[in-house]
N, C-alpha and C. Protein backbone atom coordinates (compact mmCIF):
# COMPACT_ATOMS: atom_id res chain seq x y z
N MET A 1 0.92 -1.42 -0.19
CA MET A 1 0.08 -0.31 -0.08
C MET A 1 0.91 1.08 -0.05
N PRO A 2 0.97 2.01 -1.44
CA PRO A 2 1.50 3.13 -1.47
C PRO A 2 1.47 4.42 -0.32
N ILE A 3 2.05 4.96 -0.03
CA ILE A 3 1.94 6.16 1.00
C ILE A 3 2.07 7.48 0.34
N ARG A 4 1.10 8.24 -0.23
CA ARG A 4 1.34 9.48 -0.72
C ARG A 4 0.90 10.64 -0.04
N PRO A 5 2.11 11.43 -0.10
CA PRO A 5 1.71 12.68 0.41
C PRO A 5 0.83 13.52 -0.04
N VAL A 6 -0.38 14.25 0.11
CA VAL A 6 -1.12 15.69 -0.51
C VAL A 6 -0.77 16.56 -0.71
N ARG A 7 -0.59 17.17 -1.57
CA ARG A 7 -0.46 18.98 -1.28
C ARG A 7 -1.76 19.29 -1.07
N ARG A 8 -1.74 20.49 -0.24
CA ARG A 8 -2.98 21.75 -0.50
C ARG A 8 -2.34 22.72 -0.77
N SER A 9 -3.40 23.36 -1.46
CA SER A 9 -3.23 24.62 -2.23
C SER A 9 -3.83 25.88 -1.56
N GLU A 10 -3.11 26.54 -0.50
CA GLU A 10 -2.96 27.46 0.15
C GLU A 10 -1.83 28.45 0.25
N PRO A 11 -2.15 29.70 0.53
CA PRO A 11 -1.13 30.61 0.81
C PRO A 11 0.10 30.06 1.80
N ASN A 12 1.47 30.50 1.61
CA ASN A 12 2.28 30.32 2.60
C ASN A 12 1.86 31.10 3.74
N GLN A 13 1.71 29.93 4.97
CA GLN A 13 1.29 30.92 6.14
C GLN A 13 2.10 30.69 7.02
N ASN A 14 3.43 29.66 7.14
CA ASN A 14 4.09 29.90 8.03
C ASN A 14 5.66 29.71 7.67
N ALA A 15 6.78 29.85 8.29
CA ALA A 15 8.18 29.62 7.80
C ALA A 15 8.61 28.22 6.93
N ALA A 16 8.06 26.93 7.91
CA ALA A 16 8.04 25.79 6.85
C ALA A 16 7.58 25.74 5.52
N GLU A 17 6.51 26.62 5.26
CA GLU A 17 6.23 26.27 3.45
C GLU A 17 7.03 27.31 3.02
N GLY A 18 7.68 28.35 3.55
CA GLY A 18 8.27 29.06 2.44
C GLY A 18 9.85 28.40 2.45
N ASN A 19 10.18 27.53 2.95
CA ASN A 19 11.29 26.75 2.86
C ASN A 19 10.91 25.71 2.05
N VAL A 20 11.06 25.74 0.60
CA VAL A 20 10.66 25.05 -0.34
C VAL A 20 11.81 23.60 -0.27
N ALA A 21 12.97 23.62 0.20
CA ALA A 21 14.02 22.47 0.43
C ALA A 21 13.43 21.42 1.46
N LEU A 22 13.10 22.06 2.47
CA LEU A 22 12.65 21.71 4.03
C LEU A 22 11.33 20.84 3.27
N VAL A 23 10.34 21.39 2.83
CA VAL A 23 8.99 20.53 2.41
C VAL A 23 9.01 19.40 1.32
N GLU A 24 9.81 19.85 0.60
CA GLU A 24 9.81 18.81 -0.54
C GLU A 24 10.95 17.83 0.14
N THR A 25 11.98 17.54 0.72
CA THR A 25 12.61 16.80 1.57
C THR A 25 11.87 15.47 2.16
N LEU A 26 11.04 16.52 3.15
CA LEU A 26 9.71 15.80 4.50
C LEU A 26 9.03 15.32 3.23
N ARG A 27 8.02 15.62 2.20
CA ARG A 27 7.94 14.84 1.15
C ARG A 27 8.20 13.43 0.84
N LEU A 28 9.60 13.54 0.93
CA LEU A 28 10.40 11.95 0.68
C LEU A 28 10.57 11.37 1.95
N ALA A 29 11.00 12.12 3.01
CA ALA A 29 11.40 11.21 4.14
C ALA A 29 10.87 10.85 5.22
N VAL A 30 9.04 11.11 5.14
CA VAL A 30 8.16 11.26 5.63
C VAL A 30 7.79 9.41 5.60
N PRO A 31 7.29 9.37 4.13
CA PRO A 31 7.13 8.49 3.98
C PRO A 31 8.04 7.06 4.35
N LEU A 32 9.41 7.39 3.93
CA LEU A 32 10.15 6.55 4.80
C LEU A 32 10.42 6.13 5.81
N HIS A 33 10.05 6.99 6.46
CA HIS A 33 9.79 6.50 8.07
C HIS A 33 8.59 5.84 8.48
N ILE A 34 7.61 6.05 7.73
CA ILE A 34 6.02 5.59 8.11
C ILE A 34 6.25 4.17 7.76
N ALA A 35 6.92 3.90 6.50
CA ALA A 35 7.17 2.36 6.14
C ALA A 35 7.99 1.58 7.18
N GLU A 36 8.82 2.51 8.08
CA GLU A 36 9.95 1.55 8.65
C GLU A 36 9.11 1.61 10.53
N LEU A 37 8.12 2.97 10.17
CA LEU A 37 7.53 2.26 11.97
C LEU A 37 6.22 1.59 12.05
N ARG A 38 5.65 1.69 10.85
CA ARG A 38 4.34 0.87 10.99
C ARG A 38 4.57 -0.59 11.20
N GLY A 39 3.55 -1.23 12.42
CA GLY A 39 3.69 -1.90 13.24
C GLY A 39 4.28 -1.74 13.97
N HIS A 40 5.17 -1.19 14.88
CA HIS A 40 5.74 -0.96 15.79
C HIS A 40 4.00 -0.37 16.76
N PRO A 41 4.28 -1.41 17.99
CA PRO A 41 3.33 -1.05 19.20
C PRO A 41 3.15 0.38 19.39
N THR A 42 1.79 0.58 19.65
CA THR A 42 1.47 1.92 19.73
C THR A 42 2.69 2.66 20.82
N ASP A 43 2.68 2.10 21.85
CA ASP A 43 3.59 2.68 23.23
C ASP A 43 4.92 3.24 22.52
N VAL A 44 5.54 2.51 21.95
CA VAL A 44 6.70 2.31 21.17
C VAL A 44 6.72 3.86 20.36
N LEU A 45 5.79 4.19 19.55
CA LEU A 45 5.31 4.84 18.86
C LEU A 45 5.21 6.22 19.25
N ILE A 46 5.02 6.50 20.76
CA ILE A 46 4.56 7.63 21.38
C ILE A 46 6.07 7.75 22.00
N ALA A 47 6.80 6.76 22.58
CA ALA A 47 8.01 7.22 22.79
C ALA A 47 8.97 8.07 22.02
N ILE A 48 8.83 7.11 20.68
CA ILE A 48 9.26 7.66 19.59
C ILE A 48 9.14 9.26 19.23
N ALA A 49 7.99 9.42 19.03
CA ALA A 49 7.28 10.77 19.20
C ALA A 49 7.63 11.96 20.07
N GLY A 50 7.56 11.53 21.20
CA GLY A 50 7.96 12.41 22.28
C GLY A 50 9.87 12.52 22.25
N ARG A 51 10.42 11.67 21.70
CA ARG A 51 11.91 12.13 21.84
C ARG A 51 12.11 12.83 20.66
N SER A 52 11.08 12.76 19.53
CA SER A 52 11.18 13.66 18.33
C SER A 52 10.85 14.97 19.00
N ALA A 53 9.78 15.02 19.49
CA ALA A 53 9.29 16.35 19.91
C ALA A 53 10.35 17.27 20.46
N SER A 54 11.06 16.39 21.61
CA SER A 54 12.19 17.06 22.74
C SER A 54 13.42 17.72 21.43
N VAL A 55 13.68 17.16 20.74
CA VAL A 55 14.81 17.33 19.74
C VAL A 55 14.63 18.11 18.56
N VAL A 56 13.21 18.57 18.34
CA VAL A 56 12.65 19.51 17.56
C VAL A 56 12.36 21.04 18.17
N GLY A 57 11.78 20.79 19.45
CA GLY A 57 11.95 21.70 20.56
C GLY A 57 13.08 22.43 20.74
N SER A 58 14.04 21.77 21.10
CA SER A 58 15.19 22.27 21.56
C SER A 58 16.14 22.60 20.30
N LYS A 59 16.50 22.30 18.80
CA LYS A 59 16.86 22.07 17.97
C LYS A 59 16.28 22.76 16.68
N GLY A 60 15.05 22.58 16.65
CA GLY A 60 14.25 23.26 15.53
C GLY A 60 14.81 23.89 14.91
N ASP A 61 15.15 25.34 15.78
CA ASP A 61 15.19 26.36 14.56
C ASP A 61 16.20 26.49 13.43
N VAL A 62 17.47 25.22 13.76
CA VAL A 62 18.50 25.71 12.88
C VAL A 62 17.91 24.67 11.59
N LEU A 63 16.77 24.76 11.26
CA LEU A 63 15.98 23.86 9.87
C LEU A 63 15.97 25.76 9.21
N GLN A 64 15.50 26.46 10.08
CA GLN A 64 14.96 27.50 9.66
C GLN A 64 16.50 28.60 9.48
N PHE A 65 17.09 28.51 10.64
CA PHE A 65 18.05 29.40 10.50
C PHE A 65 19.79 28.85 10.68
N HIS A 66 19.63 27.75 10.32
CA HIS A 66 21.37 26.96 10.66
C HIS A 66 22.03 26.97 11.47
N SER A 67 22.97 26.30 11.30
CA SER A 67 23.84 25.95 12.48
C SER A 67 25.24 25.50 12.22
N PRO A 68 26.31 26.38 12.80
CA PRO A 68 27.04 26.08 12.34
C PRO A 68 28.13 24.72 13.02
N LYS A 69 27.11 24.21 13.81
CA LYS A 69 27.66 23.05 14.66
C LYS A 69 27.37 21.85 13.56
N ARG A 70 27.98 21.01 12.95
CA ARG A 70 27.84 20.00 12.29
C ARG A 70 26.79 18.85 12.59
N GLY A 71 26.13 18.29 11.59
CA GLY A 71 24.94 17.68 12.31
C GLY A 71 23.72 17.60 13.09
N THR A 72 23.37 18.82 13.14
CA THR A 72 22.58 19.81 14.02
C THR A 72 20.92 19.87 12.99
N ALA A 73 21.32 20.15 11.85
CA ALA A 73 20.11 20.48 11.31
C ALA A 73 19.84 19.20 10.54
N ALA A 74 20.71 18.31 10.57
CA ALA A 74 20.16 16.52 9.95
C ALA A 74 19.22 16.40 11.47
N GLU A 75 19.91 16.10 12.51
CA GLU A 75 19.54 15.56 13.61
C GLU A 75 18.08 16.48 13.59
N ALA A 76 17.75 17.52 13.26
CA ALA A 76 16.34 18.23 13.61
C ALA A 76 15.51 17.57 13.03
N PHE A 77 16.33 17.92 11.71
CA PHE A 77 15.40 17.16 10.47
C PHE A 77 14.43 16.05 10.21
N ASN A 78 15.80 14.62 10.99
CA ASN A 78 15.00 13.10 11.04
C ASN A 78 14.30 13.54 12.32
N ALA A 79 14.24 14.21 13.06
CA ALA A 79 13.32 14.29 14.53
C ALA A 79 11.85 14.67 14.09
N LEU A 80 12.09 15.91 12.95
CA LEU A 80 10.96 16.32 12.49
C LEU A 80 10.21 15.04 11.58
N ALA A 81 10.83 14.86 10.47
CA ALA A 81 9.89 13.46 9.90
C ALA A 81 9.76 12.37 10.59
N ARG A 82 10.56 11.75 11.78
CA ARG A 82 10.04 10.59 12.34
C ARG A 82 8.65 11.45 13.23
N GLY A 83 8.55 12.33 14.08
CA GLY A 83 7.58 12.93 14.46
C GLY A 83 6.71 12.79 13.67
N LEU A 84 6.29 13.49 12.14
CA LEU A 84 5.28 13.31 11.48
C LEU A 84 4.67 12.20 11.05
N ALA A 85 5.93 11.36 11.01
CA ALA A 85 5.82 9.69 10.31
C ALA A 85 4.36 9.08 11.68
N VAL A 86 5.17 9.22 12.87
CA VAL A 86 4.06 8.77 13.96
C VAL A 86 3.12 9.31 13.72
N ALA A 87 3.18 10.47 13.97
CA ALA A 87 1.84 11.43 14.00
C ALA A 87 0.70 10.69 12.73
N ALA A 88 1.33 10.56 11.58
CA ALA A 88 0.35 9.82 10.16
C ALA A 88 0.13 8.26 11.18
N ILE A 89 0.68 7.56 11.54
CA ILE A 89 0.06 6.62 11.93
C ILE A 89 -0.64 6.35 13.04
N VAL A 90 -0.11 7.10 14.09
CA VAL A 90 -1.43 6.71 15.28
C VAL A 90 -2.35 7.86 14.92
N THR A 91 -2.75 8.97 14.40
CA THR A 91 -3.63 10.28 14.76
C THR A 91 -4.62 9.42 13.23
N HIS A 92 -5.61 9.46 13.80
CA HIS A 92 -6.72 8.98 12.77
C HIS A 92 -6.80 10.46 11.69
N GLY A 93 -6.72 9.93 10.83
CA GLY A 93 -7.10 11.21 9.62
C GLY A 93 -5.37 11.76 9.13
N GLY A 94 -4.51 11.20 9.84
CA GLY A 94 -3.17 11.82 9.72
C GLY A 94 -2.98 12.73 10.35
N VAL A 95 -1.85 13.29 9.60
CA VAL A 95 -1.33 14.84 9.87
C VAL A 95 -0.85 15.55 8.59
N THR A 96 -0.75 17.00 8.54
CA THR A 96 -0.61 17.66 7.62
C THR A 96 0.07 18.79 8.48
N PHE A 97 1.37 19.62 7.63
CA PHE A 97 2.43 20.07 7.91
C PHE A 97 2.66 20.78 7.06
N ALA A 98 3.12 21.89 7.04
CA ALA A 98 3.50 23.15 5.92
C ALA A 98 2.74 23.05 4.42
N GLY A 99 1.63 22.42 4.45
CA GLY A 99 0.92 22.08 3.31
C GLY A 99 1.00 20.51 2.71
N SER A 100 1.63 20.02 3.47
CA SER A 100 1.65 18.30 2.71
C SER A 100 1.07 17.51 4.14
N HIS A 101 0.32 16.48 3.49
CA HIS A 101 -0.76 15.72 4.44
C HIS A 101 0.23 14.17 4.53
N TRP A 102 0.15 13.53 5.29
CA TRP A 102 0.51 12.22 5.25
C TRP A 102 -0.50 11.36 5.95
N CYS A 103 -0.85 10.31 5.52
CA CYS A 103 -1.87 9.26 6.09
C CYS A 103 -1.45 8.24 5.61
N THR A 104 -2.20 7.20 6.45
CA THR A 104 -1.93 5.67 6.16
C THR A 104 -3.12 5.15 5.59
N VAL A 105 -3.76 5.82 5.48
CA VAL A 105 -5.32 5.15 4.54
C VAL A 105 -4.90 5.70 3.09
N HIS A 106 -5.23 3.98 2.45
CA HIS A 106 -5.07 4.09 1.34
C HIS A 106 -5.61 5.07 0.33
N ALA A 107 -5.08 5.74 -0.54
CA ALA A 107 -5.81 6.37 -1.53
C ALA A 107 -6.40 7.91 -0.62
N CYS A 108 -5.80 8.35 0.26
CA CYS A 108 -6.19 9.65 0.76
C CYS A 108 -6.07 10.86 0.20
N SER A 109 -7.14 11.68 -0.07
CA SER A 109 -7.02 12.52 -0.83
C SER A 109 -6.58 13.95 -0.15
N GLY A 110 -6.45 13.95 1.18
CA GLY A 110 -6.09 15.48 1.70
C GLY A 110 -6.78 15.17 3.18
N PRO A 111 -6.36 16.11 4.23
CA PRO A 111 -6.82 15.95 5.35
C PRO A 111 -8.14 16.46 5.56
N ASP A 112 -9.25 16.86 4.52
CA ASP A 112 -10.79 17.21 4.81
C ASP A 112 -11.44 15.39 3.88
N ALA A 113 -10.70 14.44 3.61
CA ALA A 113 -11.14 13.37 3.20
C ALA A 113 -11.58 12.62 4.17
N ASP A 114 -12.92 11.83 3.93
CA ASP A 114 -13.15 11.04 4.39
C ASP A 114 -12.33 9.89 4.95
N HIS A 115 -12.15 9.35 6.39
CA HIS A 115 -11.55 8.67 6.83
C HIS A 115 -12.24 7.33 7.43
N PRO A 116 -12.55 6.18 7.22
CA PRO A 116 -12.91 5.21 7.99
C PRO A 116 -12.54 5.39 9.53
N GLN A 117 -13.60 5.23 10.11
CA GLN A 117 -13.65 5.43 11.39
C GLN A 117 -12.45 4.04 12.19
N PRO A 118 -11.38 4.49 12.89
CA PRO A 118 -10.89 3.18 13.70
C PRO A 118 -11.48 2.55 14.47
N ASP A 119 -11.08 1.05 14.30
CA ASP A 119 -11.80 -0.15 14.80
C ASP A 119 -11.03 0.21 16.61
N LEU A 120 -12.12 0.25 17.41
CA LEU A 120 -11.26 0.40 18.75
C LEU A 120 -11.70 -0.82 19.35
N THR A 121 -12.39 -1.73 19.27
CA THR A 121 -12.45 -3.33 19.40
C THR A 121 -11.34 -3.62 20.08
N PRO A 122 -11.40 -4.08 21.18
CA PRO A 122 -9.99 -4.67 21.79
C PRO A 122 -9.68 -6.11 20.93
N SER A 123 -8.38 -6.46 20.91
CA SER A 123 -8.08 -7.80 19.75
C SER A 123 -7.75 -9.15 20.93
């Protein structure tokens, strides 16, 4: 089942949308992380999301303003991509960031598309 990011046609409303390199690279990286992380237990995914949020919260500014410290931007980028991937997996309806939408529902047309209700019955 392929995972396709969906673009929304809205004017740029934040710094991330104005950074074409960041947005386009996320469009490639997030599906790769989704493929890697899909199938992990929810508690593991939530822990990954927490670590990703911590890195983005403390170092995410280097994605916009750069850093002389080697590897900092890569660490922040990977944390952002990984966090978005986890959000796409665990959040009903996927996740939208900087005009791109990632979802694990096959043929999802965007954030406003109909998404099947999650099955909450215990297995």
